[in-house]
Amino acid sequence: MKNTYQDLIEQSYYFPQEGFDLEDGYLNFYGVSLKYLINKYGTPFRLMYLPRIGDQIKKARNLFRRAMKSAGYEGSYNYCYCTKCNHFHHVIQKALQYNVNLETSSSFDIDLILNLYKSGHLDKSVKLVHNGYKTDEYIRKLIEIQDLGFTNSTIILDNRYELKKILEIAKGKKIKIGIRKAIDEEPQSAYYTSRLGIRSSEILDFYHTQIKGKSNIELSMFHFFIDSGIKDTLYYWGEFQKSVKLYIELKKECPSLNALNLGGGFPIRNHLGFEYEYEYMIREIVKSIKESCNAEGIKEPDIYTEFGKYTVGESGATIFSVLEQKQQNDAELWYIIDNSLMNTIPDAWSIYEKFILLPINKWNNEYTRVSIGGISCDHSDYYNSEDLNQQIMLPKYSSREKEPLYLGFFHTGAYQDSISGYGGIKHCLIPSPQQVIIDRDKTGNFIDYVYRNEQTVDDMFKILGY
């Protein structure tokens, strides 16, 4: 009896599962035939499956609203998409079809907001939350969009000194602000307190000395963000409760304060055995805020979340062909792919992020332990462990087989293009792969098209000045 790769997966995980199934021995991604795409476009290519964005938005929104209804929660829920996570127009346009609000983090994001507005994809009534360090240029643009009529624009103070700069540039105009609280990092972190936000011990004094009584300042939002994500851990709940407590203390002093921004941090699937109780976590968050506020006679705040990776991460995939095998010693077999891992999924080497890795074909072959290498000359251009430090197992194949082995890294839709600098200069001048977009038409049928072809030598030489 053969120990096939399919046997391994079906014995180790529940399979098929959402987003992944086999058809005639080939892997499908949300019902899309990857074999069809490979035959049509070749490899390597980046894939964005846009309908997944709407699925994620609807899931989170429905769970929050259901939890609020069950708890008798009186505040509203507001879903914000973080533009920095994936700036592409087709991504943000798809998110806006589901009436999301937007979170920005730099002055250039405001240009993006204006572009969406001028093209008719964004209404002035959208709620905008502005994070990040406020340069003078960023502040000027924030005041400009307010003057254009974006009245639901909230500037989140990242430090105590930003308010003075904002007031100088605003020149007496009324502004809506929020305060970001600096959270205490996890014990294993390189630093104790986040560099982002204002120290919790300074917030009440800052409100009394710099904000209270000023008719041109409306403090409406309290913001915190826990970098390790929304997880059912002692650390998360400890920081969460401290933040809710400080919100209540500030609300008692500031009647205009009515919004609690939880930041982001919902995880996405990074291995086939991923489990996360979204419904439980949301229910506990809503219940905890309500109980804490009611105990102090405070009205429940409107809840905001800023979901970037959760919104778009699971919509992305990167598809490669294996060019050759290299047996470097008795224990190490390398599969060399047709692009650079450092260039296409930089989080894999920079912060050791893990993604779902699956073969597209050869599921009926026996499996073997492998490492994956890119075609750059860099020692770090490799991928050799699954989540939880498991070894990578993939189908064996022979060079005599007519069809090469195809591999897919899945749920790569967040951050990878912006961190790698899509379309710019890459390590060893290995080009950015073509981008393929998958959507559904009004009848529900799949449509696919090339958003951008693979980068050419001339594209790169032009940037380099040749």
Protein backbone atom coordinates (compact mmCIF):
# COMPACT_ATOMS: atom_id res chain seq x y z
CA MET A 1 0.00 0.00 0.00
CA LYS A 2 1.31 3.44 -0.95
CA ASN A 3 1.50 6.20 1.63
CA THR A 4 0.32 8.98 -0.62
CA TYR A 5 0.34 12.67 0.07
CA GLN A 6 -3.45 12.60 0.03
CA ASP A 7 -3.41 9.85 2.68
CA LEU A 8 -1.15 12.01 4.85
CA ILE A 9 -3.39 15.07 4.64
CA GLU A 10 -6.65 13.19 5.19
CA GLN A 11 -5.18 11.36 8.20
CA SER A 12 -3.76 14.54 9.73
CA TYR A 13 -6.57 17.07 9.13
CA TYR A 14 -10.21 17.43 8.27
CA PHE A 15 -10.03 17.51 4.51
CA PRO A 16 -11.57 18.76 2.26
CA GLN A 17 -12.20 21.95 4.19
CA GLU A 18 -13.35 25.49 3.47
CA GLY A 19 -11.38 26.88 0.54
CA PHE A 20 -9.59 23.64 -0.34
CA ASP A 21 -10.76 20.53 -2.17
CA LEU A 22 -9.59 18.15 -4.87
CA GLU A 23 -11.06 17.65 -8.31
CA ASP A 24 -9.59 15.00 -10.61
CA GLY A 25 -6.43 14.97 -8.51
CA TYR A 26 -5.86 18.75 -8.64
CA LEU A 27 -6.34 21.30 -5.87
CA ASN A 28 -9.13 23.87 -6.06
CA PHE A 29 -9.07 27.17 -4.15
CA TYR A 30 -12.60 28.27 -3.15
CA GLY A 31 -13.93 26.23 -6.04
CA VAL A 32 -11.52 27.78 -8.56
CA SER A 33 -9.49 25.27 -10.58
CA LEU A 34 -5.84 26.10 -10.03
CA LYS A 35 -4.93 23.70 -12.84
CA TYR A 36 -7.04 25.82 -15.20
CA LEU A 37 -5.24 28.99 -14.07
CA ILE A 38 -1.82 27.39 -14.42
CA ASN A 39 -2.62 26.20 -17.93
CA LYS A 40 -3.93 29.66 -18.86
CA TYR A 41 -1.34 31.91 -17.21
CA GLY A 42 1.69 29.78 -16.44
CA THR A 43 3.72 30.21 -13.26
CA PRO A 44 4.62 32.02 -11.12
CA PHE A 45 1.58 34.16 -10.41
CA ARG A 46 -0.12 35.96 -7.55
CA LEU A 47 -3.83 35.25 -7.14
CA MET A 48 -6.46 37.36 -5.40
CA TYR A 49 -9.86 35.71 -4.90
CA LEU A 50 -11.97 38.79 -4.23
CA PRO A 51 -15.22 37.13 -3.02
CA ARG A 52 -13.40 35.96 0.13
CA ILE A 53 -13.11 39.60 1.23
CA GLY A 54 -16.88 39.95 1.42
CA ASP A 55 -17.21 36.61 3.20
CA GLN A 56 -14.87 37.74 5.97
CA ILE A 57 -16.55 41.12 6.41
CA LYS A 58 -20.01 39.57 6.61
CA LYS A 59 -18.87 36.93 9.09
CA ALA A 60 -17.35 39.37 11.58
CA ARG A 61 -20.17 41.87 11.24
CA ASN A 62 -22.85 39.22 11.75
CA LEU A 63 -21.09 37.75 14.79
CA PHE A 64 -20.72 41.15 16.46
CA ARG A 65 -24.31 42.11 15.79
CA ARG A 66 -25.57 38.74 16.99
CA ALA A 67 -23.52 39.02 20.19
CA MET A 68 -24.79 42.56 20.79
CA LYS A 69 -28.39 41.54 20.30
CA SER A 70 -28.01 38.58 22.64
CA ALA A 71 -26.39 40.72 25.34
CA GLY A 72 -28.78 43.65 24.96
CA TYR A 73 -25.83 45.85 24.00
CA GLU A 74 -26.94 49.40 23.17
CA GLY A 75 -23.95 50.62 21.17
CA SER A 76 -23.30 50.04 17.46
CA TYR A 77 -20.63 47.99 15.70
CA ASN A 78 -18.37 49.58 13.08
CA TYR A 79 -16.10 47.52 10.81
CA CYS A 80 -13.02 49.35 9.52
CA TYR A 81 -10.66 48.04 6.85
CA CYS A 82 -6.97 48.95 7.26
CA THR A 83 -5.79 50.28 3.92
CA LYS A 84 -2.12 49.57 4.68
CA CYS A 85 -2.80 45.83 4.61
CA ASN A 86 -3.45 45.80 0.88
CA HIS A 87 -3.75 49.07 -1.04
CA PHE A 88 -4.74 47.68 -4.44
CA HIS A 89 -7.81 49.34 -5.92
CA HIS A 90 -9.59 46.07 -6.68
CA VAL A 91 -9.18 45.02 -3.04
CA ILE A 92 -10.42 48.23 -1.42
CA GLN A 93 -13.20 48.58 -4.00
CA LYS A 94 -14.41 45.09 -3.12
CA ALA A 95 -14.33 45.88 0.62
CA LEU A 96 -16.26 49.10 0.03
CA GLN A 97 -19.02 47.12 -1.67
CA TYR A 98 -19.77 45.81 1.83
CA ASN A 99 -20.00 49.30 3.35
CA VAL A 100 -16.84 49.13 5.42
CA ASN A 101 -15.29 52.14 7.06
CA LEU A 102 -11.58 52.85 6.55
CA GLU A 103 -8.51 53.21 8.73
CA THR A 104 -5.50 55.17 7.45
CA SER A 105 -1.92 55.32 8.64
CA SER A 106 -0.06 57.89 6.52
CA SER A 107 -0.56 61.06 4.49
CA PHE A 108 -0.54 59.02 1.27
CA ASP A 109 -3.60 57.13 2.46
CA ILE A 110 -5.50 60.42 2.32
CA ASP A 111 -4.64 60.76 -1.36
CA LEU A 112 -6.08 57.27 -1.77
CA ILE A 113 -9.26 58.37 0.03
CA LEU A 114 -9.59 61.36 -2.29
CA ASN A 115 -9.04 59.19 -5.35
CA LEU A 116 -11.79 56.78 -4.26
CA TYR A 117 -14.11 59.71 -3.59
CA LYS A 118 -13.48 61.37 -6.96
CA SER A 119 -14.02 58.08 -8.80
CA GLY A 120 -17.37 57.59 -7.06
CA HIS A 121 -16.37 54.60 -4.94
CA LEU A 122 -16.52 56.43 -1.61
CA ASP A 123 -19.14 58.60 0.02
CA LYS A 124 -18.36 61.50 2.35
CA SER A 125 -20.40 59.82 5.07
CA VAL A 126 -17.79 57.03 5.46
CA LYS A 127 -16.23 56.80 8.91
CA LEU A 128 -12.48 57.37 8.78
CA VAL A 129 -10.06 56.54 11.58
CA HIS A 130 -6.60 58.08 11.19
CA ASN A 131 -3.74 56.32 12.96
CA GLY A 132 0.01 56.58 12.58
CA TYR A 133 2.51 59.33 13.28
CA LYS A 134 1.10 62.69 12.20
CA THR A 135 3.55 64.56 10.03
CA ASP A 136 2.65 68.12 9.08
CA GLU A 137 1.69 66.92 5.60
CA TYR A 138 -0.55 64.21 7.04
CA ILE A 139 -2.29 66.74 9.28
CA ARG A 140 -2.81 69.23 6.45
CA LYS A 141 -4.48 66.56 4.34
CA LEU A 142 -6.68 65.53 7.27
CA ILE A 143 -7.90 69.08 7.64
CA GLU A 144 -8.46 69.32 3.88
CA ILE A 145 -10.73 66.27 3.73
CA GLN A 146 -12.63 67.58 6.71
CA ASP A 147 -13.17 70.84 4.79
CA LEU A 148 -14.42 68.77 1.82
CA GLY A 149 -17.20 67.39 4.00
CA PHE A 150 -15.81 64.16 5.46
CA THR A 151 -17.43 64.89 8.82
CA ASN A 152 -16.90 61.40 10.27
CA SER A 153 -13.12 61.74 10.23
CA THR A 154 -11.41 61.02 13.57
CA ILE A 155 -7.73 61.80 14.17
CA ILE A 156 -6.21 59.36 16.67
CA LEU A 157 -3.47 60.99 18.74
CA ASP A 158 -0.41 58.77 18.79
CA ASN A 159 1.48 61.02 21.24
CA ARG A 160 0.84 64.04 23.44
CA TYR A 161 2.54 66.49 21.07
CA GLU A 162 0.44 65.84 18.00
CA LEU A 163 -2.51 67.83 19.33
CA LYS A 164 -0.54 71.07 19.37
CA LYS A 165 0.53 70.60 15.73
CA ILE A 166 -3.04 69.73 14.71
CA LEU A 167 -4.48 72.83 16.38
CA GLU A 168 -1.87 75.08 14.75
CA ILE A 169 -2.67 73.74 11.27
CA ALA A 170 -6.44 73.61 11.87
CA LYS A 171 -6.43 77.34 12.78
CA GLY A 172 -9.52 77.34 14.96
CA LYS A 173 -11.54 74.74 13.01
CA LYS A 174 -13.31 72.14 15.09
CA ILE A 175 -11.63 68.75 15.01
CA LYS A 176 -12.69 65.30 16.14
CA ILE A 177 -9.99 63.32 17.89
CA GLY A 178 -9.33 60.03 19.60
CA ILE A 179 -6.64 58.95 22.04
CA ARG A 180 -4.55 55.84 21.55
CA LYS A 181 -3.41 54.09 24.69
CA ALA A 182 0.05 52.53 24.69
CA ILE A 183 -0.33 48.91 25.77
CA ASP A 184 2.16 46.86 27.76
CA GLU A 185 3.77 44.30 25.48
CA GLU A 186 4.07 40.59 26.16
CA PRO A 187 6.92 39.55 28.51
CA GLN A 188 9.01 38.08 25.69
CA SER A 189 8.89 41.31 23.68
CA ALA A 190 12.05 43.34 23.03
CA TYR A 191 10.48 46.29 24.87
CA TYR A 192 8.01 46.67 27.72
CA THR A 193 5.58 49.30 26.46
CA SER A 194 4.48 49.91 22.88
CA ARG A 195 6.03 52.97 21.21
CA LEU A 196 2.58 53.64 19.73
CA GLY A 197 0.10 55.62 21.77
CA ILE A 198 0.14 57.65 24.99
CA ARG A 199 1.11 56.14 28.32
CA SER A 200 -1.97 55.10 30.25
CA SER A 201 -0.77 56.94 33.37
CA GLU A 202 -0.72 60.22 31.39
CA ILE A 203 -4.05 60.06 29.55
CA LEU A 204 -6.37 61.52 32.20
CA ASP A 205 -3.97 64.37 32.97
CA PHE A 206 -3.53 65.01 29.24
CA TYR A 207 -7.30 65.25 28.83
CA HIS A 208 -7.70 67.69 31.71
CA THR A 209 -4.79 69.97 30.73
CA GLN A 210 -4.97 69.89 26.92
CA ILE A 211 -8.51 68.97 25.83
CA LYS A 212 -11.17 69.64 28.45
CA GLY A 213 -13.10 72.86 27.98
CA LYS A 214 -11.83 73.56 24.46
CA SER A 215 -14.84 74.10 22.20
CA ASN A 216 -12.89 73.35 19.01
CA ILE A 217 -11.88 69.83 20.15
CA GLU A 218 -14.25 66.88 20.33
CA LEU A 219 -12.78 63.78 21.96
CA SER A 220 -14.95 60.92 20.70
CA MET A 221 -12.83 57.76 20.59
CA PHE A 222 -10.57 55.72 22.85
CA HIS A 223 -8.23 53.39 20.95
CA PHE A 224 -5.98 50.50 21.90
CA PHE A 225 -4.31 47.78 19.86
CA ILE A 226 -2.77 44.56 21.14
CA ASP A 227 -0.05 43.55 18.71
CA SER A 228 -0.19 39.81 19.36
CA GLY A 229 -3.84 39.77 18.29
CA ILE A 230 -7.21 38.99 19.79
CA LYS A 231 -6.49 35.70 21.52
CA ASP A 232 -8.01 33.84 24.43
CA THR A 233 -4.98 34.33 26.68
CA LEU A 234 -4.34 35.84 30.11
CA TYR A 235 -2.21 38.50 28.44
CA TYR A 236 -4.90 39.61 25.99
CA TRP A 237 -7.69 39.71 28.55
CA GLY A 238 -5.46 41.54 31.02
CA GLU A 239 -4.64 44.32 28.55
CA PHE A 240 -8.23 44.38 27.33
CA GLN A 241 -9.65 44.87 30.83
CA LYS A 242 -7.12 47.59 31.67
CA SER A 243 -8.09 49.44 28.50
CA VAL A 244 -11.83 49.15 29.14
CA LYS A 245 -11.31 50.39 32.71
CA LEU A 246 -9.39 53.44 31.47
CA TYR A 247 -12.09 54.13 28.86
CA ILE A 248 -14.69 54.19 31.67
CA GLU A 249 -12.58 56.55 33.78
CA LEU A 250 -12.13 58.87 30.81
CA LYS A 251 -15.82 58.67 29.87
CA LYS A 252 -16.80 59.87 33.34
CA GLU A 253 -14.78 63.03 32.68
CA CYS A 254 -15.60 63.46 28.99
CA PRO A 255 -19.28 63.27 27.90
CA SER A 256 -18.42 63.41 24.18
CA LEU A 257 -16.46 60.16 24.38
CA ASN A 258 -18.67 57.46 22.84
CA ALA A 259 -16.47 55.02 20.87
CA LEU A 260 -14.12 52.24 21.93
CA ASN A 261 -11.74 51.10 19.20
CA LEU A 262 -10.38 47.58 19.77
CA GLY A 263 -7.88 47.85 16.94
CA GLY A 264 -7.35 44.64 15.00
CA GLY A 265 -5.90 41.25 15.44
CA PHE A 266 -8.33 38.54 14.38
CA PRO A 267 -6.14 35.65 13.19
CA ILE A 268 -6.48 33.87 9.87
CA ARG A 269 -5.82 30.25 8.99
CA ASN A 270 -2.10 29.55 8.59
CA HIS A 271 -2.31 25.75 8.64
CA LEU A 272 -4.97 23.16 7.90
CA GLY A 273 -5.40 22.34 11.58
CA PHE A 274 -6.22 25.95 12.50
CA GLU A 275 -8.93 26.40 15.11
CA TYR A 276 -10.24 29.68 16.51
CA GLU A 277 -13.54 30.38 18.23
CA TYR A 278 -14.49 33.68 16.59
CA GLU A 279 -18.03 33.53 17.97
CA TYR A 280 -16.84 32.87 21.52
CA MET A 281 -14.24 35.66 21.47
CA ILE A 282 -16.67 38.22 20.09
CA ARG A 283 -19.36 37.22 22.56
CA GLU A 284 -16.93 37.56 25.48
CA ILE A 285 -15.62 40.93 24.26
CA VAL A 286 -19.12 42.38 23.93
CA LYS A 287 -20.28 40.89 27.24
CA SER A 288 -17.22 42.16 29.11
CA ILE A 289 -17.55 45.73 27.80
CA LYS A 290 -21.26 45.83 28.65
CA GLU A 291 -20.82 44.44 32.16
CA SER A 292 -17.90 46.76 32.95
CA CYS A 293 -19.80 49.84 31.75
CA ASN A 294 -23.07 48.90 33.47
CA ALA A 295 -21.25 48.33 36.75
CA GLU A 296 -20.07 51.95 36.62
CA GLY A 297 -23.32 53.43 35.30
CA ILE A 298 -21.76 54.18 31.93
CA LYS A 299 -23.56 53.78 28.61
CA GLU A 300 -21.97 51.15 26.39
CA PRO A 301 -19.73 52.67 23.69
CA ASP A 302 -19.95 52.14 19.97
CA ILE A 303 -17.41 49.43 19.14
CA TYR A 304 -14.90 49.85 16.30
CA THR A 305 -12.55 47.23 14.94
CA GLU A 306 -9.73 47.63 12.42
CA PHE A 307 -9.39 44.38 10.50
CA GLY A 308 -6.80 44.30 7.73
CA LYS A 309 -5.15 40.89 7.63
CA TYR A 310 -8.42 39.24 8.62
CA THR A 311 -10.21 41.02 5.77
CA VAL A 312 -7.88 40.19 2.89
CA GLY A 313 -5.34 37.60 4.04
CA GLU A 314 -7.33 34.52 3.12
CA SER A 315 -8.10 35.85 -0.37
CA GLY A 316 -4.51 35.60 -1.59
CA ALA A 317 -2.32 32.82 -2.97
CA THR A 318 1.04 32.56 -4.71
CA ILE A 319 1.57 29.73 -7.18
CA PHE A 320 4.95 28.30 -8.27
CA SER A 321 6.41 25.47 -10.33
CA VAL A 322 9.22 23.31 -8.98
CA LEU A 323 12.14 23.68 -11.37
CA GLU A 324 14.39 20.97 -9.99
CA GLN A 325 15.27 18.79 -7.00
CA LYS A 326 18.59 18.98 -5.15
CA GLN A 327 19.68 16.28 -2.70
CA GLN A 328 22.29 18.13 -0.67
CA ASN A 329 22.92 15.37 1.86
CA ASP A 330 21.28 12.16 3.03
CA ALA A 331 18.61 14.05 5.00
CA GLU A 332 17.96 17.24 3.02
CA LEU A 333 16.06 17.35 -0.24
CA TRP A 334 15.43 20.75 -1.81
CA TYR A 335 12.66 21.73 -4.21
CA ILE A 336 13.74 24.82 -6.16
CA ILE A 337 10.84 27.02 -7.30
CA ASP A 338 10.59 29.48 -10.20
CA ASN A 339 10.82 32.74 -8.24
CA SER A 340 12.13 34.07 -4.94
CA LEU A 341 10.34 33.43 -1.66
CA MET A 342 12.01 36.50 -0.15
CA ASN A 343 10.56 38.66 -2.90
CA THR A 344 7.05 37.23 -3.10
CA ILE A 345 6.21 36.31 0.51
CA PRO A 346 8.69 38.40 2.53
CA ASP A 347 6.99 37.73 5.88
CA ALA A 348 8.14 34.11 5.59
CA TRP A 349 11.78 35.10 6.10
CA SER A 350 11.54 38.48 7.83
CA ILE A 351 9.24 37.52 10.74
CA TYR A 352 9.02 33.74 10.14
CA GLU A 353 5.35 33.94 9.27
CA LYS A 354 3.79 30.67 8.20
CA PHE A 355 1.32 30.18 5.38
CA ILE A 356 -0.69 27.21 4.19
CA LEU A 357 1.53 25.32 1.75
CA LEU A 358 -0.06 22.70 -0.50
CA PRO A 359 0.78 21.01 -3.80
CA ILE A 360 -1.57 21.64 -6.69
CA ASN A 361 -1.01 18.22 -8.25
CA LYS A 362 0.53 14.79 -7.60
CA TRP A 363 -1.57 14.11 -4.50
CA ASN A 364 -1.48 10.39 -5.30
CA ASN A 365 2.34 10.29 -5.18
CA GLU A 366 4.16 9.17 -2.07
CA TYR A 367 5.35 11.99 0.17
CA THR A 368 8.74 13.03 1.47
CA ARG A 369 10.30 15.65 3.71
CA VAL A 370 11.59 18.66 1.76
CA SER A 371 12.87 22.21 2.03
CA ILE A 372 11.83 24.81 -0.52
CA GLY A 373 14.34 27.20 -2.05
CA GLY A 374 13.94 30.26 -4.24
CA ILE A 375 16.11 31.06 -7.24
CA SER A 376 17.88 34.04 -5.70
CA CYS A 377 21.48 33.74 -4.51
CA ASP A 378 20.53 34.49 -0.92
CA HIS A 379 21.00 32.00 1.89
CA SER A 380 17.72 33.15 3.50
CA ASP A 381 15.59 32.44 0.42
CA TYR A 382 13.99 29.27 1.77
CA TYR A 383 10.96 27.82 3.54
CA ASN A 384 11.33 24.61 5.52
CA SER A 385 8.82 24.43 8.35
CA GLU A 386 5.07 24.52 8.77
CA ASP A 387 3.31 26.21 11.67
CA LEU A 388 4.36 24.89 15.09
CA ASN A 389 7.78 23.97 13.58
CA GLN A 390 6.52 20.91 11.75
CA GLN A 391 8.56 19.55 8.87
CA ILE A 392 7.34 20.16 5.33
CA MET A 393 6.01 17.09 3.60
CA LEU A 394 5.27 17.21 -0.13
CA PRO A 395 4.76 14.69 -2.93
CA LYS A 396 7.78 12.92 -4.35
CA TYR A 397 8.14 13.22 -8.08
CA SER A 398 10.47 12.06 -10.80
CA SER A 399 12.14 14.27 -13.38
CA ARG A 400 10.81 11.78 -15.93
CA GLU A 401 7.24 12.83 -15.16
CA LYS A 402 5.85 15.03 -17.92
CA GLU A 403 4.06 17.48 -15.62
CA PRO A 404 6.11 19.43 -13.05
CA LEU A 405 5.09 19.70 -9.43
CA TYR A 406 3.12 22.87 -8.74
CA LEU A 407 3.06 24.43 -5.26
CA GLY A 408 0.80 27.05 -3.71
CA PHE A 409 1.34 29.29 -0.69
CA PHE A 410 -2.15 30.24 0.45
CA HIS A 411 -3.60 33.12 2.51
CA THR A 412 -0.88 35.51 1.38
CA GLY A 413 -3.27 38.38 0.59
CA ALA A 414 -2.16 40.70 3.40
CA TYR A 415 0.99 42.87 3.46
CA GLN A 416 3.14 40.75 1.12
CA ASP A 417 2.87 43.04 -1.90
CA SER A 418 3.43 46.26 0.03
CA ILE A 419 6.38 44.90 2.04
CA SER A 420 8.05 43.41 -1.02
CA GLY A 421 7.44 46.60 -2.99
CA TYR A 422 5.38 45.11 -5.76
CA GLY A 423 6.57 46.27 -9.18
CA GLY A 424 9.79 47.78 -7.88
CA ILE A 425 13.36 46.55 -7.68
CA LYS A 426 13.72 43.06 -6.25
CA HIS A 427 16.60 41.07 -4.85
CA CYS A 428 18.74 39.66 -7.69
CA LEU A 429 16.41 41.55 -10.07
CA ILE A 430 13.99 38.62 -9.99
CA PRO A 431 10.74 40.12 -11.33
CA SER A 432 7.43 40.50 -9.57
CA PRO A 433 5.14 37.75 -10.89
CA GLN A 434 1.96 38.49 -12.77
CA GLN A 435 -1.17 39.14 -10.73
CA VAL A 436 -4.37 37.29 -11.54
CA ILE A 437 -7.72 38.46 -10.16
CA ILE A 438 -10.65 36.12 -9.58
CA ASP A 439 -14.15 37.46 -8.96
CA ARG A 440 -17.73 36.41 -9.59
CA ASP A 441 -20.13 38.04 -12.01
CA LYS A 442 -23.75 38.90 -11.21
CA THR A 443 -24.84 35.34 -12.00
CA GLY A 444 -22.27 33.84 -9.64
CA ASN A 445 -19.92 32.53 -12.31
CA PHE A 446 -16.17 32.91 -11.90
CA ILE A 447 -14.33 35.52 -13.94
CA ASP A 448 -10.55 35.77 -14.13
CA TYR A 449 -8.21 38.34 -15.63
CA VAL A 450 -4.62 39.55 -15.43
CA TYR A 451 -4.32 42.69 -13.34
CA ARG A 452 -0.65 43.13 -14.19
CA ASN A 453 1.79 41.06 -16.24
CA GLU A 454 5.09 39.81 -14.91
CA GLN A 455 7.61 42.61 -14.48
CA THR A 456 10.01 42.96 -17.41
CA VAL A 457 13.69 43.75 -17.61
CA ASP A 458 12.84 47.13 -19.14
CA ASP A 459 10.52 47.90 -16.20
CA MET A 460 13.37 47.40 -13.76
CA PHE A 461 16.03 49.10 -15.90
CA LYS A 462 13.84 52.18 -16.16
CA ILE A 463 13.68 52.43 -12.38
CA LEU A 464 17.44 51.88 -12.13
CA GLY A 465 18.23 54.60 -14.67
CA TYR A 466 19.53 52.47 -17.53
